[in-house]
C-alpha atoms as a PDB file:
ATOM      1  CA  UNK A   1     -20.315 -45.142 -17.223  1.00  0.00           C
ATOM      2  CA  UNK A   2     -19.516 -42.623 -14.522  1.00  0.00           C
ATOM      3  CA  UNK A   3     -16.194 -44.317 -13.765  1.00  0.00           C
ATOM      4  CA  UNK A   4     -15.261 -44.385 -17.453  1.00  0.00           C
ATOM      5  CA  UNK A   5     -15.986 -40.653 -17.740  1.00  0.00           C
ATOM      6  CA  UNK A   6     -13.927 -40.073 -14.601  1.00  0.00           C
ATOM      7  CA  UNK A   7     -10.889 -41.838 -16.038  1.00  0.00           C
ATOM      8  CA  UNK A   8     -11.229 -39.989 -19.343  1.00  0.00           C
ATOM      9  CA  UNK A   9     -11.393 -36.608 -17.599  1.00  0.00           C
ATOM     10  CA  UNK A  10      -8.567 -37.529 -15.248  1.00  0.00           C
ATOM     11  CA  UNK A  11      -6.381 -38.607 -18.170  1.00  0.00           C
ATOM     12  CA  UNK A  12      -7.153 -35.405 -20.066  1.00  0.00           C
ATOM     13  CA  UNK A  13      -6.236 -33.298 -17.052  1.00  0.00           C
ATOM     14  CA  UNK A  14      -2.930 -35.063 -16.483  1.00  0.00           C
ATOM     15  CA  UNK A  15      -2.132 -35.019 -20.210  1.00  0.00           C
ATOM     16  CA  UNK A  16      -2.762 -31.276 -20.390  1.00  0.00           C
ATOM     17  CA  UNK A  17      -0.425 -30.695 -17.468  1.00  0.00           C
ATOM     18  CA  UNK A  18       2.273 -33.041 -18.753  1.00  0.00           C
ATOM     19  CA  UNK A  19       2.159 -31.922 -22.393  1.00  0.00           C
ATOM     20  CA  UNK A  20       1.475 -28.209 -21.851  1.00  0.00           C
ATOM     21  CA  UNK A  21       4.664 -27.205 -23.663  1.00  0.00           C
ATOM     22  CA  UNK A  22       3.649 -29.145 -26.767  1.00  0.00           C
ATOM     23  CA  UNK A  23       0.113 -27.773 -26.592  1.00  0.00           C
ATOM     24  CA  UNK A  24       1.523 -24.248 -26.319  1.00  0.00           C
ATOM     25  CA  UNK A  25       3.799 -24.753 -29.312  1.00  0.00           C
ATOM     26  CA  UNK A  26       0.791 -26.051 -31.290  1.00  0.00           C
ATOM     27  CA  UNK A  27      -1.640 -23.286 -30.311  1.00  0.00           C
ATOM     28  CA  UNK A  28       0.750 -20.384 -29.786  1.00  0.00           C
ATOM     29  CA  UNK A  29       0.583 -17.818 -27.019  1.00  0.00           C
ATOM     30  CA  UNK A  30      -2.742 -16.794 -25.545  1.00  0.00           C
ATOM     31  CA  UNK A  31      -2.674 -13.003 -25.442  1.00  0.00           C
ATOM     32  CA  UNK A  32      -4.817 -12.368 -22.395  1.00  0.00           C
ATOM     33  CA  UNK A  33      -3.053 -15.127 -20.436  1.00  0.00           C
ATOM     34  CA  UNK A  34       0.336 -13.547 -21.161  1.00  0.00           C
ATOM     35  CA  UNK A  35      -1.053 -10.162 -20.142  1.00  0.00           C
ATOM     36  CA  UNK A  36      -2.805 -11.133 -16.914  1.00  0.00           C
ATOM     37  CA  UNK A  37      -0.812 -14.183 -15.786  1.00  0.00           C
ATOM     38  CA  UNK A  38       2.605 -12.678 -16.538  1.00  0.00           C
ATOM     39  CA  UNK A  39       5.503 -14.153 -18.453  1.00  0.00           C
ATOM     40  CA  UNK A  40       4.749 -17.777 -19.238  1.00  0.00           C
ATOM     41  CA  UNK A  41       1.059 -17.089 -18.768  1.00  0.00           C
ATOM     42  CA  UNK A  42       0.056 -19.561 -21.452  1.00  0.00           C
ATOM     43  CA  UNK A  43       1.870 -22.375 -19.636  1.00  0.00           C
ATOM     44  CA  UNK A  44       0.180 -21.336 -16.396  1.00  0.00           C
ATOM     45  CA  UNK A  45      -3.192 -21.265 -18.150  1.00  0.00           C
ATOM     46  CA  UNK A  46      -2.792 -24.842 -19.359  1.00  0.00           C
ATOM     47  CA  UNK A  47      -1.639 -25.897 -15.907  1.00  0.00           C
ATOM     48  CA  UNK A  48      -4.726 -24.323 -14.326  1.00  0.00           C
ATOM     49  CA  UNK A  49      -7.011 -25.886 -16.935  1.00  0.00           C
ATOM     50  CA  UNK A  50      -5.489 -29.299 -16.243  1.00  0.00           C
ATOM     51  CA  UNK A  51      -5.952 -28.895 -12.499  1.00  0.00           C
ATOM     52  CA  UNK A  52      -9.542 -27.741 -12.936  1.00  0.00           C
ATOM     53  CA  UNK A  53     -10.245 -30.746 -15.156  1.00  0.00           C
ATOM     54  CA  UNK A  54      -8.887 -33.102 -12.485  1.00  0.00           C
ATOM     55  CA  UNK A  55     -10.935 -31.395  -9.755  1.00  0.00           C
ATOM     56  CA  UNK A  56     -14.024 -31.510 -11.995  1.00  0.00           C
ATOM     57  CA  UNK A  57     -13.456 -35.247 -12.538  1.00  0.00           C
ATOM     58  CA  UNK A  58     -13.354 -35.964  -8.801  1.00  0.00           C
ATOM     59  CA  UNK A  59     -16.440 -33.825  -8.174  1.00  0.00           C
ATOM     60  CA  UNK A  60     -18.242 -35.698 -10.933  1.00  0.00           C
ATOM     61  CA  UNK A  61     -17.247 -39.110  -9.589  1.00  0.00           C
ATOM     62  CA  UNK A  62     -18.346 -38.429  -6.038  1.00  0.00           C
ATOM     63  CA  UNK A  63     -21.644 -36.820  -7.079  1.00  0.00           C
ATOM     64  CA  UNK A  64     -20.709 -33.531  -5.488  1.00  0.00           C
ATOM     65  CA  UNK A  65     -20.912 -31.770  -8.839  1.00  0.00           C
ATOM     66  CA  UNK A  66     -24.626 -32.556  -9.115  1.00  0.00           C
ATOM     67  CA  UNK A  67     -25.385 -31.079  -5.720  1.00  0.00           C
ATOM     68  CA  UNK A  68     -23.218 -28.003  -6.361  1.00  0.00           C
ATOM     69  CA  UNK A  69     -24.936 -27.317  -9.674  1.00  0.00           C
ATOM     70  CA  UNK A  70     -28.364 -27.899  -8.146  1.00  0.00           C
ATOM     71  CA  UNK A  71     -27.752 -25.582  -5.206  1.00  0.00           C
ATOM     72  CA  UNK A  72     -26.037 -22.911  -7.308  1.00  0.00           C
ATOM     73  CA  UNK A  73     -28.191 -22.757 -10.424  1.00  0.00           C
ATOM     74  CA  UNK A  74     -31.338 -24.408  -9.064  1.00  0.00           C
ATOM     75  CA  UNK A  75     -34.110 -24.870 -11.560  1.00  0.00           C
ATOM     76  CA  UNK A  76     -31.896 -24.221 -14.584  1.00  0.00           C
ATOM     77  CA  UNK A  77     -30.302 -27.657 -14.068  1.00  0.00           C
ATOM     78  CA  UNK A  78     -32.878 -30.385 -13.820  1.00  0.00           C
ATOM     79  CA  UNK A  79     -30.927 -33.432 -12.722  1.00  0.00           C
ATOM     80  CA  UNK A  80     -32.890 -36.649 -13.291  1.00  0.00           C
ATOM     81  CA  UNK A  81     -33.104 -39.239 -10.538  1.00  0.00           C
ATOM     82  CA  UNK A  82     -30.896 -42.287 -11.021  1.00  0.00           C
ATOM     83  CA  UNK A  83     -33.645 -44.657  -9.871  1.00  0.00           C
END
């Protein structure tokens, strides 16, 4: 199941990067992205979201995400044992 989720997240990340122009034409400009990321900020936002999705997918696959969440947020994230 973890590998299936990895491939879904990886595909979503690459699709968001590849089709960011179509996504932008569908959603329109994001005001704060244009303001803070400069001209073409919406395209850059979708690029960053795609990259973060890909990084998140690799962290999830390797189990690093669980340890990062546990060490950062501690008791708020109760991660069950896989045994």
